[in-house]
Amino acid sequence: MRHERRSGALTHVLELLLVTKVTKVAEEACEAGALYRHSKGWGSDGPVTATTRQAQHEMCAAIMDGLVALYRLCPDDDAAQLWADYLTYGYERALRENTEAA
């Protein structure tokens, strides 16, 4: 986000740059997955070449990019409420699905 803000882009261009952070989320999440694989020695050559902490940090970067994009998609400053509602929805859905599966 700091790179986009430092760019000096016009407001509408800056908004577009910040909303498109969602593409960065996928990239960061894939990197987190790859780092996790390598932290377990599951890479193509077998040796451990990353740490779990590196994978965790990469996942945090993915989440942060997603939250930045969500914030930009919520012009009425309701991103926090939208996120809280979604977490509640996900929790309730998981409870339902786990109950149905039992």
C-alpha atoms as a PDB file:
ATOM      1  CA  MET A   1       0.000   0.000   0.000  1.00  0.00           C
ATOM      2  CA  ARG A   2       2.817   2.410   0.778  1.00  0.00           C
ATOM      3  CA  HIS A   3       4.173   2.039  -2.764  1.00  0.00           C
ATOM      4  CA  GLU A   4       0.807   2.950  -4.270  1.00  0.00           C
ATOM      5  CA  ARG A   5       0.443   5.963  -1.990  1.00  0.00           C
ATOM      6  CA  ARG A   6       3.987   7.147  -2.793  1.00  0.00           C
ATOM      7  CA  SER A   7       3.349   6.879  -6.524  1.00  0.00           C
ATOM      8  CA  GLY A   8       1.793  10.336  -6.740  1.00  0.00           C
ATOM      9  CA  ALA A   9      -0.966   8.878  -8.928  1.00  0.00           C
ATOM     10  CA  LEU A  10      -4.211  10.709  -9.425  1.00  0.00           C
ATOM     11  CA  THR A  11      -6.934   9.791  -6.928  1.00  0.00           C
ATOM     12  CA  HIS A  12      -8.912   7.563  -9.305  1.00  0.00           C
ATOM     13  CA  VAL A  13      -5.741   5.778 -10.427  1.00  0.00           C
ATOM     14  CA  LEU A  14      -4.627   5.319  -6.828  1.00  0.00           C
ATOM     15  CA  GLU A  15      -8.020   3.835  -5.977  1.00  0.00           C
ATOM     16  CA  LEU A  16      -7.700   1.391  -8.868  1.00  0.00           C
ATOM     17  CA  LEU A  17      -4.195   0.417  -7.745  1.00  0.00           C
ATOM     18  CA  LEU A  18      -5.405  -0.221  -4.209  1.00  0.00           C
ATOM     19  CA  VAL A  19      -8.452  -2.242  -5.284  1.00  0.00           C
ATOM     20  CA  THR A  20      -6.322  -4.411  -7.539  1.00  0.00           C
ATOM     21  CA  LYS A  21      -4.361  -5.475  -4.460  1.00  0.00           C
ATOM     22  CA  VAL A  22      -6.560  -8.591  -4.653  1.00  0.00           C
ATOM     23  CA  THR A  23      -4.306  -9.892  -7.414  1.00  0.00           C
ATOM     24  CA  LYS A  24      -1.387  -9.483  -5.023  1.00  0.00           C
ATOM     25  CA  VAL A  25      -3.270 -11.578  -2.452  1.00  0.00           C
ATOM     26  CA  ALA A  26      -3.159 -14.628  -4.716  1.00  0.00           C
ATOM     27  CA  GLU A  27       0.537 -14.121  -5.388  1.00  0.00           C
ATOM     28  CA  GLU A  28       1.395 -13.732  -1.689  1.00  0.00           C
ATOM     29  CA  ALA A  29      -0.750 -16.744  -0.712  1.00  0.00           C
ATOM     30  CA  CYS A  30       0.974 -18.915  -3.328  1.00  0.00           C
ATOM     31  CA  GLU A  31       4.344 -17.783  -2.010  1.00  0.00           C
ATOM     32  CA  ALA A  32       3.233 -18.636   1.530  1.00  0.00           C
ATOM     33  CA  GLY A  33       2.231 -22.109   0.358  1.00  0.00           C
ATOM     34  CA  ALA A  34       5.545 -22.622  -1.387  1.00  0.00           C
ATOM     35  CA  LEU A  35       7.491 -21.441   1.665  1.00  0.00           C
ATOM     36  CA  TYR A  36       5.477 -23.758   3.895  1.00  0.00           C
ATOM     37  CA  ARG A  37       6.164 -26.697   1.567  1.00  0.00           C
ATOM     38  CA  HIS A  38       9.861 -25.901   1.629  1.00  0.00           C
ATOM     39  CA  SER A  39       9.820 -25.467   5.422  1.00  0.00           C
ATOM     40  CA  LYS A  40       8.690 -29.102   5.611  1.00  0.00           C
ATOM     41  CA  GLY A  41      11.282 -30.285   3.112  1.00  0.00           C
ATOM     42  CA  TRP A  42       8.598 -31.022   0.541  1.00  0.00           C
ATOM     43  CA  GLY A  43      10.372 -29.126  -2.239  1.00  0.00           C
ATOM     44  CA  SER A  44      11.478 -30.884  -5.384  1.00  0.00           C
ATOM     45  CA  ASP A  45      14.970 -31.465  -4.009  1.00  0.00           C
ATOM     46  CA  GLY A  46      13.942 -32.405  -0.462  1.00  0.00           C
ATOM     47  CA  PRO A  47      16.006 -30.192   1.869  1.00  0.00           C
ATOM     48  CA  VAL A  48      14.413 -27.603   4.146  1.00  0.00           C
ATOM     49  CA  THR A  49      14.983 -24.246   2.454  1.00  0.00           C
ATOM     50  CA  ALA A  50      12.531 -21.994   4.334  1.00  0.00           C
ATOM     51  CA  THR A  51      11.123 -21.531   7.809  1.00  0.00           C
ATOM     52  CA  THR A  52       7.563 -21.765   9.028  1.00  0.00           C
ATOM     53  CA  ARG A  53       7.939 -18.151  10.220  1.00  0.00           C
ATOM     54  CA  GLN A  54       8.702 -17.046   6.646  1.00  0.00           C
ATOM     55  CA  ALA A  55       5.531 -18.780   5.457  1.00  0.00           C
ATOM     56  CA  GLN A  56       3.521 -17.132   8.236  1.00  0.00           C
ATOM     57  CA  HIS A  57       4.841 -13.684   7.345  1.00  0.00           C
ATOM     58  CA  GLU A  58       3.991 -14.208   3.686  1.00  0.00           C
ATOM     59  CA  MET A  59       0.440 -15.220   4.630  1.00  0.00           C
ATOM     60  CA  CYS A  60       0.152 -12.088   6.782  1.00  0.00           C
ATOM     61  CA  ALA A  61       1.176 -10.053   3.719  1.00  0.00           C
ATOM     62  CA  ALA A  62      -1.588 -11.740   1.702  1.00  0.00           C
ATOM     63  CA  ILE A  63      -4.174 -10.999   4.368  1.00  0.00           C
ATOM     64  CA  MET A  64      -3.043  -7.376   4.641  1.00  0.00           C
ATOM     65  CA  ASP A  65      -3.293  -6.893   0.877  1.00  0.00           C
ATOM     66  CA  GLY A  66      -6.811  -8.342   0.972  1.00  0.00           C
ATOM     67  CA  LEU A  67      -7.832  -6.037   3.797  1.00  0.00           C
ATOM     68  CA  VAL A  68      -6.464  -3.017   1.912  1.00  0.00           C
ATOM     69  CA  ALA A  69      -8.517  -3.975  -1.139  1.00  0.00           C
ATOM     70  CA  LEU A  70     -11.613  -4.530   1.019  1.00  0.00           C
ATOM     71  CA  TYR A  71     -11.153  -1.120   2.612  1.00  0.00           C
ATOM     72  CA  ARG A  72     -11.026   0.496  -0.838  1.00  0.00           C
ATOM     73  CA  LEU A  73     -14.173  -1.381  -1.914  1.00  0.00           C
ATOM     74  CA  CYS A  74     -16.073   0.062   1.065  1.00  0.00           C
ATOM     75  CA  PRO A  75     -16.374   3.796   0.409  1.00  0.00           C
ATOM     76  CA  ASP A  76     -18.634   4.333   3.431  1.00  0.00           C
ATOM     77  CA  ASP A  77     -15.958   3.168   5.884  1.00  0.00           C
ATOM     78  CA  ASP A  78     -17.915   0.018   6.664  1.00  0.00           C
ATOM     79  CA  ALA A  79     -15.115  -2.440   5.862  1.00  0.00           C
ATOM     80  CA  ALA A  80     -14.709  -3.469   9.509  1.00  0.00           C
ATOM     81  CA  GLN A  81     -18.430  -4.173   9.852  1.00  0.00           C
ATOM     82  CA  LEU A  82     -18.526  -6.029   6.537  1.00  0.00           C
ATOM     83  CA  TRP A  83     -15.577  -8.187   7.651  1.00  0.00           C
ATOM     84  CA  ALA A  84     -17.186  -8.877  11.044  1.00  0.00           C
ATOM     85  CA  ASP A  85     -20.450  -9.855   9.328  1.00  0.00           C
ATOM     86  CA  TYR A  86     -18.598 -12.161   6.962  1.00  0.00           C
ATOM     87  CA  LEU A  87     -16.725 -13.845   9.815  1.00  0.00           C
ATOM     88  CA  THR A  88     -20.039 -14.428  11.593  1.00  0.00           C
ATOM     89  CA  TYR A  89     -21.540 -15.837   8.395  1.00  0.00           C
ATOM     90  CA  GLY A  90     -18.552 -18.154   7.885  1.00  0.00           C
ATOM     91  CA  TYR A  91     -18.660 -19.341  11.485  1.00  0.00           C
ATOM     92  CA  GLU A  92     -22.394 -20.076  11.324  1.00  0.00           C
ATOM     93  CA  ARG A  93     -22.041 -21.840   7.972  1.00  0.00           C
ATOM     94  CA  ALA A  94     -19.230 -24.021   9.340  1.00  0.00           C
ATOM     95  CA  LEU A  95     -21.370 -24.931  12.355  1.00  0.00           C
ATOM     96  CA  ARG A  96     -24.250 -25.911  10.079  1.00  0.00           C
ATOM     97  CA  GLU A  97     -22.064 -27.942   7.745  1.00  0.00           C
ATOM     98  CA  ASN A  98     -20.258 -29.685  10.585  1.00  0.00           C
ATOM     99  CA  THR A  99     -23.588 -30.537  12.235  1.00  0.00           C
ATOM    100  CA  GLU A 100     -24.995 -31.890   8.962  1.00  0.00           C
ATOM    101  CA  ALA A 101     -21.872 -34.014   8.400  1.00  0.00           C
ATOM    102  CA  ALA A 102     -22.013 -35.560  11.868  1.00  0.00           C
END
